[in-house]
Every structure is written in structure tokens, then in C-alpha cells.
N, C-alpha and C. Protein backbone atom coordinates (compact mmCIF):
# COMPACT_ATOMS: atom_id res chain seq x y z
N LEU A 1 -7.59 5.99 24.17
CA LEU A 1 -6.90 4.79 23.73
C LEU A 1 -6.42 4.02 24.95
N VAL A 2 -6.50 2.72 24.87
CA VAL A 2 -6.08 1.86 25.97
C VAL A 2 -4.81 1.13 25.56
N ARG A 3 -3.81 1.18 26.40
CA ARG A 3 -2.53 0.53 26.11
C ARG A 3 -2.75 -0.97 25.89
N GLY A 4 -2.08 -1.49 24.86
CA GLY A 4 -2.15 -2.91 24.56
C GLY A 4 -3.26 -3.28 23.60
N ARG A 5 -4.14 -2.38 23.31
CA ARG A 5 -5.21 -2.65 22.35
C ARG A 5 -4.81 -2.14 20.99
N ARG A 6 -5.35 -2.77 19.97
CA ARG A 6 -5.14 -2.31 18.59
C ARG A 6 -6.47 -1.81 18.08
N TYR A 7 -6.41 -0.75 17.30
CA TYR A 7 -7.62 -0.13 16.80
C TYR A 7 -7.57 -0.03 15.28
N ALA A 8 -8.73 -0.05 14.67
CA ALA A 8 -8.85 0.16 13.22
C ALA A 8 -9.98 1.15 13.00
N LEU A 9 -9.86 1.96 11.98
CA LEU A 9 -10.89 2.93 11.62
C LEU A 9 -11.44 2.53 10.27
N VAL A 10 -12.74 2.30 10.22
CA VAL A 10 -13.38 1.82 9.01
C VAL A 10 -14.50 2.79 8.63
N GLY A 11 -14.61 3.10 7.35
CA GLY A 11 -15.69 3.98 6.89
C GLY A 11 -15.67 4.14 5.39
N ARG A 12 -16.64 4.88 4.90
CA ARG A 12 -16.78 5.11 3.46
C ARG A 12 -15.62 5.96 2.94
N ASN A 13 -15.39 5.85 1.63
CA ASN A 13 -14.36 6.64 0.97
C ASN A 13 -14.67 8.13 1.08
N GLY A 14 -13.61 8.92 1.24
CA GLY A 14 -13.75 10.37 1.21
C GLY A 14 -14.30 11.00 2.47
N LYS A 15 -14.35 10.27 3.56
CA LYS A 15 -14.93 10.80 4.80
C LYS A 15 -13.89 11.30 5.79
N GLY A 16 -12.61 11.25 5.43
CA GLY A 16 -11.58 11.83 6.28
C GLY A 16 -10.83 10.86 7.16
N LYS A 17 -10.96 9.56 6.93
CA LYS A 17 -10.26 8.57 7.75
C LYS A 17 -8.75 8.75 7.65
N SER A 18 -8.25 8.85 6.44
CA SER A 18 -6.80 8.98 6.24
C SER A 18 -6.28 10.27 6.86
N THR A 19 -7.00 11.34 6.68
CA THR A 19 -6.58 12.63 7.24
C THR A 19 -6.52 12.55 8.76
N LEU A 20 -7.55 11.95 9.37
CA LEU A 20 -7.57 11.80 10.83
C LEU A 20 -6.41 10.93 11.30
N LEU A 21 -6.20 9.80 10.64
CA LEU A 21 -5.14 8.89 11.07
C LEU A 21 -3.75 9.49 10.89
N GLN A 22 -3.55 10.24 9.83
CA GLN A 22 -2.26 10.91 9.65
C GLN A 22 -2.02 11.90 10.78
N ALA A 23 -3.05 12.61 11.17
CA ALA A 23 -2.93 13.58 12.27
C ALA A 23 -2.65 12.87 13.59
N VAL A 24 -3.31 11.73 13.83
CA VAL A 24 -3.07 10.97 15.06
C VAL A 24 -1.65 10.42 15.05
N ALA A 25 -1.21 9.86 13.92
CA ALA A 25 0.14 9.31 13.83
C ALA A 25 1.20 10.38 14.06
N ALA A 26 0.92 11.60 13.62
CA ALA A 26 1.85 12.71 13.82
C ALA A 26 1.67 13.36 15.19
N ARG A 27 0.72 12.83 15.97
CA ARG A 27 0.41 13.32 17.32
C ARG A 27 -0.02 14.78 17.32
N ARG A 28 -0.73 15.18 16.23
CA ARG A 28 -1.23 16.56 16.14
C ARG A 28 -2.63 16.70 16.73
N VAL A 29 -3.31 15.59 16.97
CA VAL A 29 -4.64 15.64 17.58
C VAL A 29 -4.68 14.67 18.74
N GLY A 30 -5.56 14.94 19.68
CA GLY A 30 -5.70 14.07 20.84
C GLY A 30 -4.48 14.14 21.72
N SER A 31 -4.44 13.28 22.68
CA SER A 31 -3.29 13.22 23.59
C SER A 31 -2.77 11.79 23.62
N VAL A 32 -2.18 11.40 22.52
CA VAL A 32 -1.64 10.06 22.39
C VAL A 32 -0.35 9.98 23.20
N PRO A 33 -0.30 9.10 24.19
CA PRO A 33 0.91 8.99 25.02
C PRO A 33 2.12 8.57 24.17
N GLU A 34 3.28 9.03 24.55
CA GLU A 34 4.51 8.69 23.81
C GLU A 34 4.74 7.18 23.80
N ALA A 35 4.33 6.50 24.87
CA ALA A 35 4.53 5.06 24.96
C ALA A 35 3.60 4.28 24.03
N CYS A 36 2.63 4.96 23.46
CA CYS A 36 1.66 4.31 22.57
C CYS A 36 2.20 4.34 21.14
N ALA A 37 2.36 3.15 20.55
CA ALA A 37 2.84 3.07 19.17
C ALA A 37 1.67 3.28 18.22
N VAL A 38 1.87 4.11 17.23
CA VAL A 38 0.84 4.36 16.23
C VAL A 38 1.39 3.94 14.88
N HIS A 39 0.69 3.04 14.19
CA HIS A 39 1.10 2.58 12.87
C HIS A 39 0.09 3.10 11.86
N TYR A 40 0.58 3.83 10.89
CA TYR A 40 -0.28 4.32 9.81
C TYR A 40 0.14 3.61 8.54
N VAL A 41 -0.80 2.92 7.91
CA VAL A 41 -0.52 2.21 6.66
C VAL A 41 -1.07 3.06 5.52
N HIS A 42 -0.18 3.51 4.65
CA HIS A 42 -0.60 4.32 3.52
C HIS A 42 -1.45 3.51 2.56
N GLN A 43 -2.31 4.20 1.85
CA GLN A 43 -3.17 3.53 0.88
C GLN A 43 -2.39 3.04 -0.33
N ASP A 44 -1.34 3.74 -0.69
CA ASP A 44 -0.52 3.36 -1.83
C ASP A 44 0.74 2.67 -1.31
N ILE A 45 0.73 1.36 -1.35
CA ILE A 45 1.83 0.58 -0.82
C ILE A 45 2.88 0.40 -1.91
N GLN A 46 4.12 0.78 -1.59
CA GLN A 46 5.24 0.58 -2.51
C GLN A 46 6.07 -0.58 -1.99
N LEU A 47 6.22 -1.61 -2.80
CA LEU A 47 6.99 -2.78 -2.40
C LEU A 47 8.29 -2.85 -3.19
N SER A 48 9.32 -3.37 -2.55
CA SER A 48 10.56 -3.62 -3.28
C SER A 48 10.33 -4.84 -4.18
N SER A 49 11.21 -5.05 -5.13
CA SER A 49 11.06 -6.20 -6.02
C SER A 49 11.14 -7.50 -5.23
N GLU A 50 11.94 -7.52 -4.18
CA GLU A 50 12.04 -8.71 -3.32
C GLU A 50 10.72 -8.95 -2.58
N GLN A 51 10.13 -7.87 -2.03
CA GLN A 51 8.86 -8.01 -1.31
C GLN A 51 7.73 -8.44 -2.24
N GLU A 52 7.77 -8.02 -3.48
CA GLU A 52 6.71 -8.38 -4.43
C GLU A 52 6.68 -9.88 -4.70
N GLU A 53 7.78 -10.57 -4.47
CA GLU A 53 7.84 -12.01 -4.71
C GLU A 53 7.42 -12.82 -3.48
N LEU A 54 7.18 -12.16 -2.36
CA LEU A 54 6.77 -12.86 -1.14
C LEU A 54 5.27 -13.08 -1.11
N ARG A 55 4.86 -14.10 -0.37
CA ARG A 55 3.44 -14.29 -0.08
C ARG A 55 3.11 -13.39 1.12
N PRO A 56 1.86 -13.06 1.32
CA PRO A 56 1.51 -12.19 2.45
C PRO A 56 2.02 -12.70 3.79
N VAL A 57 1.91 -14.00 4.04
CA VAL A 57 2.36 -14.54 5.32
C VAL A 57 3.87 -14.32 5.50
N ASP A 58 4.64 -14.41 4.41
CA ASP A 58 6.08 -14.21 4.49
C ASP A 58 6.41 -12.76 4.83
N LEU A 59 5.63 -11.83 4.29
CA LEU A 59 5.84 -10.41 4.58
C LEU A 59 5.51 -10.11 6.04
N VAL A 60 4.43 -10.72 6.55
CA VAL A 60 4.07 -10.54 7.96
C VAL A 60 5.16 -11.12 8.85
N LEU A 61 5.64 -12.31 8.52
CA LEU A 61 6.71 -12.93 9.32
C LEU A 61 7.99 -12.10 9.30
N ALA A 62 8.31 -11.52 8.16
CA ALA A 62 9.53 -10.71 8.04
C ALA A 62 9.46 -9.47 8.93
N ALA A 63 8.26 -9.03 9.26
CA ALA A 63 8.10 -7.85 10.10
C ALA A 63 8.42 -8.14 11.56
N ASP A 64 8.47 -9.40 11.93
CA ASP A 64 8.81 -9.79 13.31
C ASP A 64 10.33 -9.79 13.44
N VAL A 65 10.86 -8.62 13.71
CA VAL A 65 12.32 -8.42 13.71
C VAL A 65 13.00 -9.26 14.78
N GLU A 66 12.43 -9.31 15.96
CA GLU A 66 13.07 -10.07 17.04
C GLU A 66 13.21 -11.54 16.65
N ARG A 67 12.16 -12.13 16.13
CA ARG A 67 12.19 -13.52 15.70
C ARG A 67 13.22 -13.74 14.60
N ARG A 68 13.23 -12.83 13.64
CA ARG A 68 14.16 -12.94 12.52
C ARG A 68 15.61 -12.88 13.00
N VAL A 69 15.91 -11.97 13.92
CA VAL A 69 17.28 -11.83 14.45
C VAL A 69 17.66 -13.06 15.26
N LEU A 70 16.74 -13.55 16.08
CA LEU A 70 17.03 -14.73 16.90
C LEU A 70 17.28 -15.97 16.03
N LEU A 71 16.49 -16.14 14.98
CA LEU A 71 16.71 -17.27 14.08
C LEU A 71 18.07 -17.17 13.40
N SER A 72 18.45 -15.96 13.00
CA SER A 72 19.76 -15.75 12.39
C SER A 72 20.87 -16.04 13.39
N ASP A 73 20.70 -15.57 14.63
CA ASP A 73 21.70 -15.82 15.68
C ASP A 73 21.85 -17.32 15.92
N ARG A 74 20.73 -18.04 15.95
CA ARG A 74 20.78 -19.49 16.18
C ARG A 74 21.59 -20.18 15.08
N GLU A 75 21.34 -19.79 13.83
CA GLU A 75 22.09 -20.40 12.72
C GLU A 75 23.57 -20.07 12.81
N GLU A 76 23.87 -18.82 13.15
CA GLU A 76 25.27 -18.40 13.26
C GLU A 76 25.99 -19.16 14.37
N ILE A 77 25.34 -19.29 15.52
CA ILE A 77 25.96 -20.01 16.64
C ILE A 77 26.15 -21.48 16.28
N ASN A 78 25.14 -22.10 15.67
CA ASN A 78 25.27 -23.50 15.26
C ASN A 78 26.42 -23.68 14.28
N GLY A 79 26.60 -22.73 13.38
CA GLY A 79 27.71 -22.78 12.44
C GLY A 79 29.06 -22.70 13.12
N LYS A 80 29.15 -21.82 14.12
CA LYS A 80 30.41 -21.67 14.85
C LYS A 80 30.72 -22.89 15.70
N LEU A 81 29.67 -23.54 16.21
CA LEU A 81 29.88 -24.71 17.07
C LEU A 81 30.58 -25.85 16.35
N LYS A 82 30.41 -25.95 15.05
CA LYS A 82 31.00 -27.06 14.28
C LYS A 82 32.52 -27.06 14.34
N ASP A 83 33.11 -25.87 14.38
CA ASP A 83 34.57 -25.76 14.36
C ASP A 83 35.14 -25.22 15.66
N ALA A 84 34.35 -25.21 16.73
CA ALA A 84 34.78 -24.58 17.98
C ALA A 84 35.64 -25.52 18.82
N SER A 85 36.58 -24.91 19.53
CA SER A 85 37.36 -25.66 20.51
C SER A 85 36.44 -25.98 21.70
N PRO A 86 36.85 -26.87 22.60
CA PRO A 86 35.99 -27.20 23.74
C PRO A 86 35.61 -25.98 24.60
N SER A 87 36.55 -25.07 24.83
CA SER A 87 36.22 -23.90 25.64
C SER A 87 35.28 -22.95 24.89
N GLU A 88 35.51 -22.79 23.58
CA GLU A 88 34.62 -21.96 22.77
C GLU A 88 33.23 -22.59 22.69
N ALA A 89 33.21 -23.91 22.59
CA ALA A 89 31.94 -24.63 22.50
C ALA A 89 31.10 -24.42 23.75
N ALA A 90 31.74 -24.38 24.90
CA ALA A 90 31.00 -24.16 26.15
C ALA A 90 30.34 -22.79 26.15
N THR A 91 31.08 -21.78 25.73
CA THR A 91 30.54 -20.42 25.67
C THR A 91 29.42 -20.33 24.63
N LEU A 92 29.67 -20.91 23.47
CA LEU A 92 28.67 -20.88 22.40
C LEU A 92 27.40 -21.65 22.80
N THR A 93 27.56 -22.74 23.54
CA THR A 93 26.40 -23.52 23.98
C THR A 93 25.54 -22.69 24.93
N LYS A 94 26.17 -21.92 25.79
CA LYS A 94 25.40 -21.02 26.68
C LYS A 94 24.67 -19.96 25.88
N GLU A 95 25.35 -19.38 24.88
CA GLU A 95 24.71 -18.39 24.02
C GLU A 95 23.53 -19.00 23.27
N LEU A 96 23.74 -20.23 22.78
CA LEU A 96 22.68 -20.91 22.05
C LEU A 96 21.48 -21.18 22.95
N GLN A 97 21.74 -21.58 24.18
CA GLN A 97 20.66 -21.85 25.12
C GLN A 97 19.84 -20.58 25.38
N LYS A 98 20.52 -19.44 25.57
CA LYS A 98 19.81 -18.18 25.77
C LYS A 98 18.97 -17.83 24.55
N CYS A 99 19.54 -18.03 23.38
CA CYS A 99 18.84 -17.75 22.13
C CYS A 99 17.60 -18.63 22.00
N LEU A 100 17.75 -19.92 22.31
CA LEU A 100 16.62 -20.85 22.23
C LEU A 100 15.53 -20.49 23.23
N GLU A 101 15.93 -20.04 24.41
CA GLU A 101 14.94 -19.62 25.42
C GLU A 101 14.15 -18.41 24.93
N ARG A 102 14.85 -17.46 24.32
CA ARG A 102 14.17 -16.27 23.79
C ARG A 102 13.23 -16.64 22.64
N LEU A 103 13.67 -17.58 21.79
CA LEU A 103 12.81 -18.04 20.70
C LEU A 103 11.55 -18.71 21.26
N GLU A 104 11.71 -19.46 22.34
CA GLU A 104 10.54 -20.10 22.96
C GLU A 104 9.62 -19.05 23.58
N THR A 105 10.20 -18.05 24.24
CA THR A 105 9.41 -16.99 24.86
C THR A 105 8.57 -16.24 23.85
N CYS A 106 9.15 -15.95 22.68
CA CYS A 106 8.40 -15.21 21.66
C CYS A 106 7.58 -16.14 20.77
N GLU A 107 7.52 -17.42 21.15
CA GLU A 107 6.71 -18.42 20.45
C GLU A 107 7.02 -18.46 18.95
N ALA A 108 8.31 -18.47 18.65
CA ALA A 108 8.76 -18.44 17.26
C ALA A 108 8.28 -19.64 16.47
N ASP A 109 8.14 -20.80 17.13
CA ASP A 109 7.74 -22.00 16.40
C ASP A 109 6.30 -21.94 15.89
N SER A 110 5.48 -21.07 16.47
CA SER A 110 4.09 -20.95 16.01
C SER A 110 3.85 -19.65 15.24
N ALA A 111 4.91 -18.92 14.92
CA ALA A 111 4.75 -17.62 14.26
C ALA A 111 4.07 -17.74 12.90
N ALA A 112 4.44 -18.72 12.11
CA ALA A 112 3.84 -18.86 10.78
C ALA A 112 2.35 -19.16 10.89
N ARG A 113 1.98 -20.02 11.82
CA ARG A 113 0.56 -20.35 12.02
C ARG A 113 -0.21 -19.12 12.48
N ARG A 114 0.37 -18.37 13.42
CA ARG A 114 -0.30 -17.16 13.92
C ARG A 114 -0.42 -16.10 12.84
N ALA A 115 0.61 -15.95 12.01
CA ALA A 115 0.55 -14.98 10.90
C ALA A 115 -0.52 -15.39 9.90
N ASP A 116 -0.61 -16.68 9.63
CA ASP A 116 -1.63 -17.17 8.70
C ASP A 116 -3.03 -16.94 9.27
N GLU A 117 -3.22 -17.19 10.55
CA GLU A 117 -4.52 -16.94 11.19
C GLU A 117 -4.87 -15.46 11.16
N LEU A 118 -3.88 -14.61 11.38
CA LEU A 118 -4.10 -13.17 11.33
C LEU A 118 -4.61 -12.77 9.95
N LEU A 119 -3.97 -13.29 8.91
CA LEU A 119 -4.40 -12.97 7.55
C LEU A 119 -5.81 -13.51 7.28
N GLN A 120 -6.12 -14.69 7.79
CA GLN A 120 -7.48 -15.22 7.65
C GLN A 120 -8.49 -14.29 8.31
N ASN A 121 -8.13 -13.79 9.49
CA ASN A 121 -9.02 -12.86 10.21
C ASN A 121 -9.17 -11.53 9.48
N LEU A 122 -8.21 -11.20 8.64
CA LEU A 122 -8.31 -9.99 7.83
C LEU A 122 -9.06 -10.24 6.52
N GLY A 123 -9.56 -11.46 6.34
CA GLY A 123 -10.39 -11.77 5.18
C GLY A 123 -9.70 -12.47 4.04
N PHE A 124 -8.43 -12.86 4.21
CA PHE A 124 -7.70 -13.53 3.14
C PHE A 124 -8.18 -14.98 3.00
N SER A 125 -8.59 -15.34 1.81
CA SER A 125 -8.93 -16.74 1.52
C SER A 125 -7.63 -17.51 1.37
N GLU A 126 -7.75 -18.82 1.29
CA GLU A 126 -6.56 -19.65 1.08
C GLU A 126 -5.87 -19.29 -0.23
N ALA A 127 -6.68 -19.03 -1.27
CA ALA A 127 -6.12 -18.68 -2.58
C ALA A 127 -5.37 -17.35 -2.52
N LEU A 128 -5.92 -16.37 -1.82
CA LEU A 128 -5.24 -15.07 -1.70
C LEU A 128 -3.95 -15.20 -0.90
N ARG A 129 -3.96 -16.02 0.15
CA ARG A 129 -2.77 -16.20 0.97
C ARG A 129 -1.66 -16.89 0.20
N ALA A 130 -2.02 -17.65 -0.84
CA ALA A 130 -1.03 -18.37 -1.65
C ALA A 130 -0.41 -17.49 -2.73
N ARG A 131 -1.03 -16.36 -3.03
CA ARG A 131 -0.51 -15.48 -4.10
C ARG A 131 0.72 -14.72 -3.63
N LYS A 132 1.51 -14.29 -4.60
CA LYS A 132 2.63 -13.39 -4.32
C LYS A 132 2.08 -11.99 -4.19
N MET A 133 2.78 -11.14 -3.49
CA MET A 133 2.33 -9.77 -3.26
C MET A 133 2.07 -9.04 -4.57
N ARG A 134 2.89 -9.31 -5.59
CA ARG A 134 2.72 -8.61 -6.88
C ARG A 134 1.41 -8.98 -7.55
N GLU A 135 0.81 -10.09 -7.15
CA GLU A 135 -0.44 -10.56 -7.74
C GLU A 135 -1.68 -10.04 -7.00
N LEU A 136 -1.47 -9.32 -5.90
CA LEU A 136 -2.59 -8.82 -5.10
C LEU A 136 -2.96 -7.40 -5.50
N SER A 137 -4.23 -7.09 -5.36
CA SER A 137 -4.69 -5.72 -5.61
C SER A 137 -4.18 -4.81 -4.49
N GLY A 138 -4.32 -3.52 -4.71
CA GLY A 138 -3.89 -2.54 -3.71
C GLY A 138 -4.57 -2.74 -2.36
N GLY A 139 -5.86 -3.06 -2.40
CA GLY A 139 -6.59 -3.28 -1.16
C GLY A 139 -6.06 -4.45 -0.36
N TRP A 140 -5.72 -5.54 -1.04
CA TRP A 140 -5.18 -6.70 -0.34
C TRP A 140 -3.76 -6.43 0.16
N ARG A 141 -3.02 -5.62 -0.59
CA ARG A 141 -1.68 -5.24 -0.10
C ARG A 141 -1.80 -4.43 1.19
N VAL A 142 -2.76 -3.51 1.21
CA VAL A 142 -2.97 -2.71 2.42
C VAL A 142 -3.35 -3.62 3.59
N ARG A 143 -4.23 -4.58 3.34
CA ARG A 143 -4.61 -5.50 4.41
C ARG A 143 -3.40 -6.29 4.91
N THR A 144 -2.52 -6.67 3.99
CA THR A 144 -1.29 -7.36 4.41
C THR A 144 -0.50 -6.49 5.37
N PHE A 145 -0.42 -5.19 5.07
CA PHE A 145 0.34 -4.29 5.94
C PHE A 145 -0.38 -4.01 7.26
N PHE A 146 -1.69 -4.22 7.32
CA PHE A 146 -2.37 -4.22 8.61
C PHE A 146 -1.80 -5.34 9.46
N GLY A 147 -1.61 -6.50 8.81
CA GLY A 147 -1.02 -7.63 9.50
C GLY A 147 0.40 -7.35 9.95
N VAL A 148 1.16 -6.69 9.08
CA VAL A 148 2.54 -6.31 9.43
C VAL A 148 2.54 -5.40 10.67
N GLY A 149 1.63 -4.46 10.70
CA GLY A 149 1.54 -3.54 11.84
C GLY A 149 1.10 -4.22 13.13
N ALA A 150 0.41 -5.35 13.01
CA ALA A 150 -0.09 -6.06 14.18
C ALA A 150 0.94 -6.98 14.80
N VAL A 151 2.06 -7.21 14.10
CA VAL A 151 3.08 -8.13 14.63
C VAL A 151 3.81 -7.49 15.79
């Protein structure tokens, strides 16, 4: 395995793909370095009622924790700025600037477009991307979680 690359295992049903991947994820086979992240997506995806109402792109975006936290921080800081004293405003403005820089570094403004492109590359048509998760078959749910793992 090469650091920074993502891999997928594709093959016919019943040939041991899941068994092999579970063993790799548990680090029972091969010599997977500790620094290497392994994501195993189960075949039976269980979604919360909230997740079932999301579109695939929304689920992929929600998996980007750093972006989600930074967006929340930005809103919180902007809210505090409205009622801040001049000295508090100066401190909050510096915090906001750092937050905005981090959002720019992680390319947060293009995250939705990139998530949509990722889903297209996984075979999602426009119609499938518009459906809610509860309306997708198990196979399409699994593909969505491939996207989640790629974020």
C-alpha cells in the first residue's frame, strides 16, 4: 500500500472480498502501517432517521468534520461580534480571520461541488443524487459511504 492512495476491491459475490477487507481493517493480515487509515464500509448500512432524509451529497459533506466545525465556528464568532465591545471585537476578528483562512485552506467553498463530482465518479446519475438516502437501494447506500470514506 502506498501512503496517500485510496484503494477499492472489486469482484464477484462470494469470493471473499468482505472477509479480506475485514481482516485488513483489523490489521490481522499484511503489514498495514499504523499511519495508514483503513475504512471498511459494511454491506448492510444502518442509517439514523436524520441521515435517511439527507441526499447522498449531504451525507458526504457531513463526513467532512473539519469543514463542519469551521463553518459552525464562523457562525458562532459572527454571532458574538454583533454584541461585542470594541476590545472583544478585536479578539473575535482575529479568531474569525484564522477561521476563514482555515476554511480557505480546506477549500470549503468548493466542497459541495467536489462531493457531487465524487458521487458522479461513483456512478450516481443526477436523479440518484437528488434522492434521499431512504429512497436508495442498499448498493447505492454503500456507494455513498465509499464517498464518505474518501472525504
